[in-house]
């Protein structure tokens, strides 16, 4: 199935950009992150922040924040990143959708590069790769890098894509492409799931090199080995059985 529709532009002729931010226990960073999104060198149509049942002050901070274009949604119980994105995607009203984590590992100042292939009508989906960019890249966990490479390799073998970073946060979609996809994974299995599904739509996929300011578990990193196992399961499930 190939999509040929183009995003419906805003009155000015510029596509409206929606940023979806899944949040879970990010009270230390979420408001600074939203400030960085607002300061990004692109026009932001809306910021949809989905609190995924945080047990800290994340929800309260978001609910009381006075930020132009900010929309706040909440899960009463923690369900996972994929579930938060599913809720956020359902609320999108823009033409292009950017996924943004609520920590400070990814820099919204890089939105122009991520959006450029879509705005030039060369891409329908853009992945921001931590492994092909020339920008700063914090040195953290060796085995995480190995796991990411192996997951990307396994995904590529079944999708026949040549991506370098399936597990990246930064994924940008034309909204009409995203509307054709039902997100089923509740946690980090979302990443290989969405990759398999955009591949099956025969979309034009580009990668753009990005910077990466990784954090440690002591600083709040949440992904673990169980998520790696689930990623392998998701690769098999959504390439063979969906």
Foldseek 3Di string as FASTA:
>chain_A
DADDDAFDPDPVRHFAEEEEEEDAQLVVFQVVQVVQLVVAPDDHQAYEYEYQQHPDCPLVCLVPDDDPRYDYHYDNHHQADLVSVLVVLVPDDTFKYKYDYRHPFFGSNCVVVQCVCSVVVNFFKEAADQPPDPDAEDDDDPVVQVLQQVLQVLLCVLLVDDDRGLQGRTMMGGSVLVVVDRRDDRYSLSSSLVVLSSSVNVTRYYYHYGYTDDDDVVVPDDDDPVSSVSNSVSSCCNRPPD
